[in-house]
């Protein structure tokens, strides 16, 4: 089976299992999504969803977070790991958005990636899920599955993103990003994976 045919079959399976995937990070607007994605680095979405209500109770908006003391923010987000770096990033990006973007989360990759603590993956999530711009954020789940499904060689997340973008039309990128994450968690985990029971690994 050609890689393109395999990709198409995988897409059909994902559409059947997860026809309308929702963003797993709780948020109410582009800024709260940006904060949640920054917190999600090396942390589970479930943990982030427990932390953000406490964070926004203490700092309800961008201006409040921009004026916050990093040690105080760190205490609230400590359980998500890398708390010192993330706290500094959240305060810093809030300050920069207020100073340089009139208090609105920028809607370009270049501007987002210039913010403290915001890399390409974080920017891609915000662009795709907050602004509807076609993007294919690659996290560990997507990187793992793309390699297992022989859609990419697994050399790097950059290569995986490039390969997936070639295999699927832009109109599917934002949905596929979420579908693969949900599929990976339920059927294709990093540990304890049973390929024979996996709806995709069992035949690729």
N, C-alpha and C. Protein backbone atom coordinates (compact mmCIF):
# COMPACT_ATOMS: atom_id res chain seq x y z
N UNK A 1 0.84 -1.20 0.00
CA UNK A 1 0.00 0.00 0.00
C UNK A 1 0.88 1.25 0.00
N UNK A 2 0.58 2.18 -0.89
CA UNK A 2 1.33 3.43 -0.97
C UNK A 2 1.07 4.26 0.29
N UNK A 3 2.05 5.11 0.60
CA UNK A 3 1.92 5.95 1.78
C UNK A 3 0.67 6.83 1.70
N UNK A 4 0.38 7.35 0.52
CA UNK A 4 -0.80 8.22 0.36
C UNK A 4 -2.08 7.44 0.61
N UNK A 5 -2.12 6.18 0.16
CA UNK A 5 -3.31 5.36 0.37
C UNK A 5 -3.45 5.01 1.85
N UNK A 6 -2.32 4.73 2.50
CA UNK A 6 -2.34 4.43 3.93
C UNK A 6 -2.82 5.65 4.71
N UNK A 7 -2.34 6.82 4.33
CA UNK A 7 -2.76 8.05 5.01
C UNK A 7 -4.26 8.27 4.85
N UNK A 8 -4.76 8.00 3.66
CA UNK A 8 -6.20 8.18 3.43
C UNK A 8 -7.03 7.22 4.27
N UNK A 9 -6.60 5.98 4.35
CA UNK A 9 -7.32 4.99 5.15
C UNK A 9 -7.29 5.37 6.63
N UNK A 10 -6.13 5.83 7.09
CA UNK A 10 -6.00 6.27 8.48
C UNK A 10 -6.94 7.45 8.75
N UNK A 11 -7.02 8.36 7.79
CA UNK A 11 -7.92 9.51 7.94
C UNK A 11 -9.36 9.09 8.08
N UNK A 12 -9.77 8.07 7.32
CA UNK A 12 -11.15 7.57 7.41
C UNK A 12 -11.42 6.97 8.78
N UNK A 13 -10.46 6.22 9.29
CA UNK A 13 -10.62 5.60 10.62
C UNK A 13 -10.75 6.67 11.69
N UNK A 14 -9.91 7.69 11.61
CA UNK A 14 -9.96 8.77 12.59
C UNK A 14 -11.27 9.54 12.52
N UNK A 15 -11.79 9.72 11.30
CA UNK A 15 -13.08 10.40 11.14
C UNK A 15 -14.22 9.60 11.75
N UNK A 16 -14.13 8.29 11.64
CA UNK A 16 -15.17 7.44 12.21
C UNK A 16 -15.13 7.44 13.73
N UNK A 17 -13.92 7.38 14.28
CA UNK A 17 -13.78 7.29 15.74
C UNK A 17 -13.94 8.64 16.44
N UNK A 18 -13.44 9.71 15.80
CA UNK A 18 -13.48 11.03 16.42
C UNK A 18 -13.93 12.07 15.39
N UNK A 19 -15.21 12.06 15.05
CA UNK A 19 -15.70 12.93 13.98
C UNK A 19 -15.66 14.42 14.30
N UNK A 20 -15.76 14.77 15.56
CA UNK A 20 -15.77 16.19 15.94
C UNK A 20 -14.97 16.40 17.22
N UNK A 21 -13.66 16.24 17.16
CA UNK A 21 -12.83 16.35 18.36
C UNK A 21 -12.79 17.78 18.90
N UNK A 22 -12.87 17.91 20.21
CA UNK A 22 -12.80 19.22 20.84
C UNK A 22 -11.39 19.45 21.39
N UNK A 23 -11.02 20.70 21.52
CA UNK A 23 -9.71 21.04 22.09
C UNK A 23 -9.68 20.53 23.54
N UNK A 24 -8.73 19.69 23.91
CA UNK A 24 -8.73 19.11 25.26
C UNK A 24 -8.35 20.08 26.37
N UNK A 25 -7.77 21.21 26.02
CA UNK A 25 -7.41 22.22 27.02
C UNK A 25 -8.58 23.18 27.21
N UNK A 26 -9.06 23.31 28.44
CA UNK A 26 -10.15 24.22 28.74
C UNK A 26 -9.69 25.66 28.50
N UNK A 27 -10.53 26.44 27.80
CA UNK A 27 -10.20 27.83 27.54
C UNK A 27 -11.46 28.58 27.14
N UNK A 28 -11.40 29.90 27.20
CA UNK A 28 -12.56 30.70 26.86
C UNK A 28 -12.28 31.71 25.74
N UNK A 29 -11.00 31.92 25.45
CA UNK A 29 -10.61 32.87 24.42
C UNK A 29 -9.16 32.59 24.01
N UNK A 30 -8.65 33.31 22.99
CA UNK A 30 -7.27 33.04 22.55
C UNK A 30 -6.23 33.17 23.65
N UNK A 31 -6.41 34.13 24.56
CA UNK A 31 -5.41 34.32 25.61
C UNK A 31 -5.41 33.14 26.59
N UNK A 32 -6.56 32.70 27.03
CA UNK A 32 -6.61 31.57 27.97
C UNK A 32 -6.11 30.29 27.31
N UNK A 33 -6.32 30.16 25.98
CA UNK A 33 -5.77 29.01 25.27
C UNK A 33 -4.25 29.10 25.23
N UNK A 34 -3.72 30.28 24.93
CA UNK A 34 -2.27 30.47 24.90
C UNK A 34 -1.65 30.11 26.25
N UNK A 35 -2.25 30.58 27.32
CA UNK A 35 -1.75 30.27 28.66
C UNK A 35 -1.77 28.77 28.90
N UNK A 36 -2.87 28.12 28.55
CA UNK A 36 -3.00 26.68 28.76
C UNK A 36 -1.97 25.89 27.96
N UNK A 37 -1.72 26.31 26.73
CA UNK A 37 -0.76 25.58 25.89
C UNK A 37 0.66 25.75 26.44
N UNK A 38 0.99 26.94 26.91
CA UNK A 38 2.30 27.15 27.52
C UNK A 38 2.46 26.24 28.74
N UNK A 39 1.42 26.13 29.54
CA UNK A 39 1.47 25.27 30.72
C UNK A 39 1.56 23.79 30.38
N UNK A 40 1.08 23.42 29.20
CA UNK A 40 0.97 22.00 28.84
C UNK A 40 2.31 21.36 28.46
N UNK A 41 3.36 22.14 28.31
CA UNK A 41 4.67 21.57 27.96
C UNK A 41 5.10 20.58 29.04
N UNK A 42 5.33 19.35 28.64
CA UNK A 42 5.74 18.28 29.56
C UNK A 42 4.76 18.13 30.73
N UNK A 43 3.50 18.36 30.46
CA UNK A 43 2.46 18.22 31.47
C UNK A 43 1.19 17.75 30.78
N UNK A 44 0.38 16.96 31.46
CA UNK A 44 -0.83 16.45 30.85
C UNK A 44 -1.90 17.54 30.74
N UNK A 45 -2.76 17.40 29.76
CA UNK A 45 -3.86 18.35 29.61
C UNK A 45 -4.77 18.31 30.83
N UNK A 46 -4.97 17.13 31.39
CA UNK A 46 -5.83 17.00 32.57
C UNK A 46 -5.28 17.82 33.74
N UNK A 47 -3.97 17.78 33.93
CA UNK A 47 -3.34 18.55 34.99
C UNK A 47 -3.48 20.04 34.72
N UNK A 48 -3.27 20.45 33.48
CA UNK A 48 -3.41 21.87 33.13
C UNK A 48 -4.83 22.35 33.41
N UNK A 49 -5.81 21.53 33.07
CA UNK A 49 -7.21 21.91 33.29
C UNK A 49 -7.56 22.04 34.76
N UNK A 50 -6.77 21.42 35.63
CA UNK A 50 -6.96 21.58 37.07
C UNK A 50 -6.32 22.87 37.57
N UNK A 51 -5.25 23.27 36.90
CA UNK A 51 -4.48 24.43 37.34
C UNK A 51 -5.07 25.75 36.85
N UNK A 52 -5.50 25.81 35.60
CA UNK A 52 -5.92 27.09 35.02
C UNK A 52 -7.07 27.77 35.78
N UNK A 53 -8.06 27.05 36.32
CA UNK A 53 -9.10 27.77 37.07
C UNK A 53 -8.53 28.53 38.27
N UNK A 54 -7.55 27.95 38.95
CA UNK A 54 -6.91 28.62 40.09
C UNK A 54 -6.09 29.82 39.62
N UNK A 55 -5.40 29.64 38.48
CA UNK A 55 -4.58 30.72 37.96
C UNK A 55 -5.45 31.92 37.56
N UNK A 56 -6.56 31.66 36.87
CA UNK A 56 -7.40 32.76 36.41
C UNK A 56 -8.28 33.32 37.53
N UNK A 57 -8.46 32.56 38.60
CA UNK A 57 -9.14 33.13 39.76
C UNK A 57 -8.26 34.18 40.41
N UNK A 58 -6.96 33.92 40.43
CA UNK A 58 -6.01 34.88 41.02
C UNK A 58 -5.69 36.03 40.06
N UNK A 59 -5.60 35.70 38.77
CA UNK A 59 -5.26 36.69 37.74
C UNK A 59 -6.26 36.54 36.60
N UNK A 60 -7.40 37.22 36.69
CA UNK A 60 -8.52 36.97 35.78
C UNK A 60 -8.32 37.41 34.33
N UNK A 61 -7.33 38.25 34.07
CA UNK A 61 -7.15 38.69 32.69
C UNK A 61 -5.66 38.97 32.41
N UNK A 62 -5.40 39.36 31.19
CA UNK A 62 -4.02 39.59 30.76
C UNK A 62 -3.34 40.68 31.56
N UNK A 63 -4.05 41.75 31.84
CA UNK A 63 -3.45 42.87 32.56
C UNK A 63 -3.06 42.45 33.98
N UNK A 64 -3.90 41.64 34.60
CA UNK A 64 -3.60 41.17 35.96
C UNK A 64 -2.37 40.25 35.95
N UNK A 65 -2.28 39.39 34.95
CA UNK A 65 -1.16 38.47 34.87
C UNK A 65 0.14 39.22 34.54
N UNK A 66 0.01 40.27 33.75
CA UNK A 66 1.19 41.07 33.39
C UNK A 66 1.77 41.78 34.61
N UNK A 67 0.91 42.08 35.57
CA UNK A 67 1.35 42.79 36.77
C UNK A 67 1.73 41.84 37.91
N UNK A 68 1.61 40.55 37.67
CA UNK A 68 1.86 39.56 38.71
C UNK A 68 3.34 39.40 39.01
N UNK A 69 3.63 38.91 40.20
CA UNK A 69 4.99 38.57 40.58
C UNK A 69 5.24 37.11 40.18
N UNK A 70 6.35 36.87 39.52
CA UNK A 70 6.65 35.52 39.03
C UNK A 70 6.61 34.47 40.15
N UNK A 71 7.17 34.72 41.32
CA UNK A 71 7.11 33.70 42.39
C UNK A 71 5.69 33.33 42.79
N UNK A 72 4.77 34.30 42.76
CA UNK A 72 3.38 34.03 43.13
C UNK A 72 2.70 33.17 42.07
N UNK A 73 2.98 33.46 40.80
CA UNK A 73 2.43 32.65 39.71
C UNK A 73 3.00 31.24 39.79
N UNK A 74 4.29 31.15 40.08
CA UNK A 74 4.95 29.85 40.17
C UNK A 74 4.30 28.96 41.22
N UNK A 75 3.91 29.52 42.34
CA UNK A 75 3.28 28.73 43.38
C UNK A 75 1.97 28.11 42.90
N UNK A 76 1.21 28.85 42.10
CA UNK A 76 -0.08 28.36 41.61
C UNK A 76 0.11 27.24 40.60
N UNK A 77 1.13 27.36 39.75
CA UNK A 77 1.30 26.40 38.65
C UNK A 77 2.35 25.34 38.96
N UNK A 78 2.83 25.29 40.19
CA UNK A 78 3.96 24.43 40.54
C UNK A 78 3.76 22.97 40.11
N UNK A 79 2.56 22.44 40.24
CA UNK A 79 2.34 21.01 39.98
C UNK A 79 2.42 20.62 38.51
N UNK A 80 2.52 21.60 37.62
CA UNK A 80 2.60 21.24 36.19
C UNK A 80 4.03 21.09 35.71
N UNK A 81 5.02 21.31 36.60
CA UNK A 81 6.41 21.15 36.20
C UNK A 81 6.95 22.36 35.47
N UNK A 82 8.27 22.52 35.51
CA UNK A 82 8.95 23.65 34.88
C UNK A 82 8.29 24.96 35.29
N UNK A 83 7.83 25.02 36.53
CA UNK A 83 6.98 26.14 36.96
C UNK A 83 7.71 27.48 36.95
N UNK A 84 8.98 27.51 37.24
CA UNK A 84 9.69 28.79 37.25
C UNK A 84 9.78 29.37 35.84
N UNK A 85 10.14 28.51 34.89
CA UNK A 85 10.24 28.96 33.49
C UNK A 85 8.88 29.36 32.94
N UNK A 86 7.87 28.56 33.23
CA UNK A 86 6.53 28.84 32.72
C UNK A 86 5.94 30.10 33.35
N UNK A 87 6.17 30.30 34.65
CA UNK A 87 5.65 31.49 35.32
C UNK A 87 6.25 32.75 34.71
N UNK A 88 7.55 32.73 34.49
CA UNK A 88 8.23 33.88 33.87
C UNK A 88 7.70 34.12 32.46
N UNK A 89 7.45 33.04 31.73
CA UNK A 89 6.94 33.16 30.37
C UNK A 89 5.54 33.77 30.36
N UNK A 90 4.67 33.32 31.27
CA UNK A 90 3.30 33.83 31.30
C UNK A 90 3.25 35.32 31.63
N UNK A 91 4.04 35.73 32.60
CA UNK A 91 4.08 37.15 32.95
C UNK A 91 4.70 37.94 31.79
N UNK A 92 5.77 37.42 31.22
CA UNK A 92 6.45 38.12 30.13
C UNK A 92 5.61 38.24 28.88
N UNK A 93 4.93 37.16 28.48
CA UNK A 93 4.13 37.23 27.25
C UNK A 93 2.92 38.16 27.45
N UNK A 94 2.38 38.18 28.67
CA UNK A 94 1.26 39.09 28.95
C UNK A 94 1.72 40.54 28.80
N UNK A 95 2.88 40.84 29.32
CA UNK A 95 3.43 42.19 29.22
C UNK A 95 3.69 42.58 27.77
N UNK A 96 4.22 41.64 27.01
CA UNK A 96 4.55 41.96 25.60
C UNK A 96 3.30 42.13 24.75
N UNK A 97 2.27 41.31 25.00
CA UNK A 97 1.04 41.45 24.22
C UNK A 97 0.38 42.80 24.52
N UNK A 98 0.40 43.21 25.79
CA UNK A 98 -0.15 44.51 26.14
C UNK A 98 0.65 45.64 25.51
N UNK A 99 1.97 45.51 25.53
CA UNK A 99 2.84 46.58 25.05
C UNK A 99 2.90 46.68 23.54
N UNK A 100 2.87 45.54 22.86
CA UNK A 100 3.13 45.55 21.42
C UNK A 100 1.95 45.12 20.54
N UNK A 101 0.90 44.57 21.16
CA UNK A 101 -0.22 44.08 20.35
C UNK A 101 -1.57 44.57 20.87
N UNK A 102 -1.55 45.71 21.55
CA UNK A 102 -2.80 46.32 22.05
C UNK A 102 -3.65 45.38 22.88
N UNK A 103 -2.99 44.47 23.59
CA UNK A 103 -3.71 43.58 24.48
C UNK A 103 -4.44 42.44 23.79
N UNK A 104 -4.13 42.21 22.52
CA UNK A 104 -4.77 41.12 21.77
C UNK A 104 -3.72 40.09 21.37
N UNK A 105 -4.04 38.83 21.57
CA UNK A 105 -3.11 37.76 21.17
C UNK A 105 -2.88 37.87 19.67
N UNK A 106 -1.63 37.99 19.24
CA UNK A 106 -1.35 38.12 17.80
C UNK A 106 -1.77 36.87 17.03
N UNK A 107 -2.14 37.09 15.77
CA UNK A 107 -2.63 35.98 14.97
C UNK A 107 -1.72 35.64 13.80
N UNK A 108 -0.40 35.79 14.03
CA UNK A 108 0.57 35.34 13.04
C UNK A 108 1.60 34.47 13.75
N UNK A 109 2.16 33.53 13.01
CA UNK A 109 3.19 32.65 13.58
C UNK A 109 4.39 33.47 14.06
N UNK A 110 4.81 34.42 13.26
CA UNK A 110 6.00 35.21 13.57
C UNK A 110 5.83 35.95 14.89
N UNK A 111 4.69 36.60 15.06
CA UNK A 111 4.46 37.39 16.27
C UNK A 111 4.29 36.49 17.50
N UNK A 112 3.61 35.39 17.34
CA UNK A 112 3.42 34.47 18.46
C UNK A 112 4.75 33.87 18.91
N UNK A 113 5.56 33.44 17.95
CA UNK A 113 6.83 32.79 18.29
C UNK A 113 7.85 33.77 18.85
N UNK A 114 7.57 35.07 18.76
CA UNK A 114 8.45 36.07 19.35
C UNK A 114 8.13 36.30 20.83
N UNK A 115 7.03 35.72 21.31
CA UNK A 115 6.63 35.89 22.71
C UNK A 115 7.42 34.95 23.61
N UNK A 116 7.67 35.33 24.84
CA UNK A 116 8.38 34.45 25.78
C UNK A 116 7.67 33.12 25.97
N UNK A 117 8.42 32.04 25.89
CA UNK A 117 7.87 30.71 26.15
C UNK A 117 7.01 30.13 25.05
N UNK A 118 6.94 30.81 23.91
CA UNK A 118 6.09 30.34 22.81
C UNK A 118 6.96 29.84 21.66
N UNK A 119 6.97 28.53 21.45
CA UNK A 119 7.69 27.95 20.33
C UNK A 119 6.75 27.66 19.18
N UNK A 120 7.25 26.96 18.19
CA UNK A 120 6.46 26.71 16.99
C UNK A 120 5.22 25.86 17.28
N UNK A 121 5.36 24.85 18.12
CA UNK A 121 4.20 24.00 18.41
C UNK A 121 3.11 24.78 19.12
N UNK A 122 3.50 25.54 20.13
CA UNK A 122 2.52 26.36 20.86
C UNK A 122 1.83 27.34 19.92
N UNK A 123 2.61 28.00 19.08
CA UNK A 123 2.04 28.95 18.12
C UNK A 123 1.08 28.24 17.16
N UNK A 124 1.44 27.03 16.76
CA UNK A 124 0.60 26.28 15.82
C UNK A 124 -0.74 25.93 16.45
N UNK A 125 -0.73 25.55 17.73
CA UNK A 125 -1.98 25.23 18.41
C UNK A 125 -2.88 26.46 18.48
N UNK A 126 -2.30 27.58 18.85
CA UNK A 126 -3.09 28.81 18.96
C UNK A 126 -3.61 29.25 17.59
N UNK A 127 -2.77 29.19 16.59
CA UNK A 127 -3.20 29.58 15.25
C UNK A 127 -4.33 28.70 14.74
N UNK A 128 -4.22 27.40 14.98
CA UNK A 128 -5.23 26.47 14.46
C UNK A 128 -6.51 26.49 15.27
N UNK A 129 -6.39 26.45 16.60
CA UNK A 129 -7.58 26.28 17.43
C UNK A 129 -8.22 27.59 17.88
N UNK A 130 -7.46 28.66 17.93
CA UNK A 130 -8.03 29.96 18.32
C UNK A 130 -8.44 30.78 17.10
N UNK A 131 -7.66 30.67 16.02
CA UNK A 131 -7.90 31.52 14.86
C UNK A 131 -8.32 30.76 13.60
N UNK A 132 -8.34 29.44 13.66
CA UNK A 132 -8.80 28.65 12.52
C UNK A 132 -7.84 28.63 11.34
N UNK A 133 -6.60 29.00 11.57
CA UNK A 133 -5.60 28.99 10.49
C UNK A 133 -5.04 27.57 10.36
N UNK A 134 -4.97 27.01 9.14
CA UNK A 134 -4.45 25.66 8.98
C UNK A 134 -3.04 25.52 9.56
N UNK A 135 -2.88 24.57 10.46
CA UNK A 135 -1.58 24.29 11.07
C UNK A 135 -1.59 22.83 11.50
N UNK A 136 -0.41 22.26 11.73
CA UNK A 136 -0.35 20.86 12.15
C UNK A 136 0.62 20.75 13.32
N UNK A 137 0.20 21.18 14.51
CA UNK A 137 1.08 21.08 15.67
C UNK A 137 1.44 19.62 15.94
N UNK A 138 2.70 19.34 16.13
CA UNK A 138 3.14 17.96 16.36
C UNK A 138 3.64 17.83 17.80
N UNK A 139 2.90 17.08 18.60
CA UNK A 139 3.34 16.79 19.96
C UNK A 139 3.91 15.37 19.99
N UNK A 140 4.21 14.87 21.19
CA UNK A 140 4.81 13.54 21.29
C UNK A 140 3.87 12.45 20.78
N UNK A 141 2.56 12.63 21.00
CA UNK A 141 1.59 11.63 20.54
C UNK A 141 1.59 11.54 19.01
N UNK A 142 1.52 12.68 18.36
CA UNK A 142 1.47 12.70 16.90
C UNK A 142 2.79 12.23 16.31
N UNK A 143 3.89 12.63 16.91
CA UNK A 143 5.21 12.20 16.44
C UNK A 143 5.33 10.68 16.53
N UNK A 144 4.88 10.11 17.63
CA UNK A 144 4.94 8.66 17.84
C UNK A 144 4.07 7.92 16.83
N UNK A 145 2.84 8.37 16.68
CA UNK A 145 1.90 7.68 15.80
C UNK A 145 2.31 7.78 14.33
N UNK A 146 2.78 8.93 13.92
CA UNK A 146 3.20 9.10 12.53
C UNK A 146 4.33 8.13 12.18
N UNK A 147 5.21 7.91 13.14
CA UNK A 147 6.30 6.96 12.92
C UNK A 147 5.77 5.52 12.91
N UNK A 148 4.93 5.18 13.85
CA UNK A 148 4.36 3.82 13.90
C UNK A 148 3.54 3.50 12.66
N UNK A 149 2.87 4.53 12.14
CA UNK A 149 2.00 4.31 10.99
C UNK A 149 2.74 4.47 9.66
N UNK A 150 4.06 4.65 9.74
CA UNK A 150 4.92 4.76 8.57
C UNK A 150 4.53 5.95 7.68
N UNK A 151 4.10 7.02 8.34
CA UNK A 151 3.80 8.26 7.62
C UNK A 151 4.98 9.21 7.65
N UNK A 152 5.92 8.95 8.58
CA UNK A 152 7.13 9.75 8.69
C UNK A 152 8.22 8.86 9.28
N UNK A 153 9.46 9.28 9.13
CA UNK A 153 10.57 8.44 9.60
C UNK A 153 10.90 8.61 11.07
N UNK A 154 10.24 9.54 11.75
CA UNK A 154 10.47 9.72 13.17
C UNK A 154 11.75 10.43 13.52
N UNK A 155 12.42 11.02 12.52
CA UNK A 155 13.70 11.67 12.76
C UNK A 155 13.56 12.90 13.66
N UNK A 156 12.52 13.68 13.44
CA UNK A 156 12.31 14.88 14.25
C UNK A 156 10.86 15.33 14.11
N UNK A 157 10.40 16.15 15.05
CA UNK A 157 9.04 16.66 14.97
C UNK A 157 8.90 17.60 13.77
N UNK A 158 9.98 18.26 13.41
CA UNK A 158 9.96 19.14 12.23
C UNK A 158 9.69 18.33 10.98
N UNK A 159 10.38 17.19 10.85
CA UNK A 159 10.18 16.32 9.69
C UNK A 159 8.79 15.71 9.71
N UNK A 160 8.31 15.31 10.88
CA UNK A 160 6.98 14.74 10.99
C UNK A 160 5.92 15.74 10.54
N UNK A 161 6.05 16.97 10.99
CA UNK A 161 5.09 18.02 10.57
C UNK A 161 5.12 18.21 9.06
N UNK A 162 6.31 18.24 8.51
CA UNK A 162 6.45 18.43 7.07
C UNK A 162 5.81 17.27 6.30
N UNK A 163 6.05 16.04 6.76
CA UNK A 163 5.50 14.87 6.08
C UNK A 163 3.98 14.81 6.15
N UNK A 164 3.43 15.10 7.32
CA UNK A 164 1.97 15.05 7.48
C UNK A 164 1.28 16.13 6.65
N UNK A 165 1.90 17.28 6.56
CA UNK A 165 1.32 18.36 5.76
C UNK A 165 1.29 18.00 4.27
N UNK A 166 2.26 17.19 3.85
CA UNK A 166 2.28 16.75 2.44
C UNK A 166 1.21 15.70 2.17
N UNK A 167 0.90 14.90 3.19
CA UNK A 167 -0.02 13.78 2.99
C UNK A 167 -1.49 14.17 3.08
N UNK A 168 -1.78 15.25 3.80
CA UNK A 168 -3.17 15.62 4.01
C UNK A 168 -3.43 17.05 3.56
N UNK A 169 -4.63 17.33 3.01
CA UNK A 169 -4.96 18.69 2.58
C UNK A 169 -5.08 19.63 3.78
N UNK A 170 -4.83 20.91 3.55
CA UNK A 170 -4.88 21.89 4.64
C UNK A 170 -6.20 21.88 5.38
N UNK A 171 -7.28 21.62 4.67
CA UNK A 171 -8.60 21.65 5.28
C UNK A 171 -8.76 20.61 6.39
N UNK A 172 -7.88 19.62 6.43
CA UNK A 172 -7.98 18.56 7.42
C UNK A 172 -6.98 18.71 8.57
N UNK A 173 -6.01 19.59 8.44
CA UNK A 173 -4.92 19.65 9.41
C UNK A 173 -5.40 19.89 10.84
N UNK A 174 -6.24 20.90 11.04
CA UNK A 174 -6.65 21.26 12.40
C UNK A 174 -7.43 20.13 13.07
N UNK A 175 -8.29 19.47 12.30
CA UNK A 175 -9.06 18.35 12.86
C UNK A 175 -8.18 17.14 13.11
N UNK A 176 -7.30 16.84 12.16
CA UNK A 176 -6.43 15.67 12.29
C UNK A 176 -5.50 15.79 13.50
N UNK A 177 -5.01 16.97 13.73
CA UNK A 177 -4.14 17.21 14.90
C UNK A 177 -4.82 16.70 16.17
N UNK A 178 -6.07 17.06 16.35
CA UNK A 178 -6.81 16.64 17.55
C UNK A 178 -7.19 15.17 17.48
N UNK A 179 -7.58 14.70 16.32
CA UNK A 179 -7.98 13.29 16.18
C UNK A 179 -6.84 12.35 16.55
N UNK A 180 -5.65 12.65 16.07
CA UNK A 180 -4.51 11.76 16.35
C UNK A 180 -4.18 11.78 17.84
N UNK A 181 -4.29 12.93 18.48
CA UNK A 181 -4.03 13.00 19.92
C UNK A 181 -5.00 12.12 20.69
N UNK A 182 -6.28 12.24 20.38
CA UNK A 182 -7.30 11.42 21.06
C UNK A 182 -7.08 9.94 20.77
N UNK A 183 -6.77 9.62 19.52
CA UNK A 183 -6.54 8.23 19.15
C UNK A 183 -5.34 7.67 19.90
N UNK A 184 -4.27 8.44 19.95
CA UNK A 184 -3.04 7.99 20.60
C UNK A 184 -3.29 7.67 22.07
N UNK A 185 -4.03 8.50 22.73
CA UNK A 185 -4.30 8.29 24.15
C UNK A 185 -5.15 7.05 24.39
N UNK A 186 -6.09 6.81 23.50
CA UNK A 186 -7.01 5.70 23.72
C UNK A 186 -6.53 4.37 23.15
N UNK A 187 -5.90 4.41 21.98
CA UNK A 187 -5.55 3.17 21.28
C UNK A 187 -4.06 2.94 21.06
N UNK A 188 -3.26 4.02 21.09
CA UNK A 188 -1.87 3.90 20.65
C UNK A 188 -0.91 4.58 21.63
N UNK A 189 -0.93 4.18 22.90
CA UNK A 189 -0.10 4.83 23.91
C UNK A 189 1.37 4.51 23.75
N UNK A 190 2.21 5.29 24.40
CA UNK A 190 3.65 5.06 24.32
C UNK A 190 4.04 3.77 25.02
N UNK A 191 3.39 3.48 26.14
CA UNK A 191 3.69 2.27 26.91
C UNK A 191 2.47 1.35 26.97
N UNK A 192 2.76 0.06 27.01
CA UNK A 192 1.68 -0.91 27.11
C UNK A 192 0.84 -1.00 25.86
N UNK A 193 1.41 -0.63 24.73
CA UNK A 193 0.66 -0.64 23.49
C UNK A 193 0.55 -2.05 22.94
N UNK A 194 -0.66 -2.42 22.53
CA UNK A 194 -0.92 -3.72 21.91
C UNK A 194 -1.21 -3.49 20.42
N UNK A 195 -0.22 -3.65 19.56
CA UNK A 195 -0.43 -3.36 18.14
C UNK A 195 -1.57 -4.15 17.51
N UNK A 196 -1.76 -5.38 17.95
CA UNK A 196 -2.80 -6.20 17.35
C UNK A 196 -4.20 -5.70 17.68
N UNK A 197 -4.33 -4.99 18.79
CA UNK A 197 -5.64 -4.47 19.20
C UNK A 197 -5.87 -3.03 18.71
N UNK A 198 -4.84 -2.44 18.14
CA UNK A 198 -4.93 -1.07 17.67
C UNK A 198 -5.62 -1.01 16.31
N UNK A 199 -6.65 -0.18 16.14
CA UNK A 199 -7.36 -0.10 14.88
C UNK A 199 -6.51 0.30 13.68
N UNK A 200 -5.35 0.87 13.94
CA UNK A 200 -4.47 1.28 12.84
C UNK A 200 -3.20 0.45 12.81
N UNK A 201 -2.51 0.32 13.93
CA UNK A 201 -1.24 -0.44 13.96
C UNK A 201 -1.43 -1.90 13.57
N UNK A 202 -2.64 -2.41 13.72
CA UNK A 202 -2.90 -3.83 13.43
C UNK A 202 -2.80 -4.15 11.94
N UNK A 203 -2.81 -3.11 11.09
CA UNK A 203 -2.75 -3.41 9.65
C UNK A 203 -1.68 -2.61 8.88
N UNK A 204 -1.11 -1.57 9.50
CA UNK A 204 -0.13 -0.78 8.72
C UNK A 204 1.14 -1.60 8.48
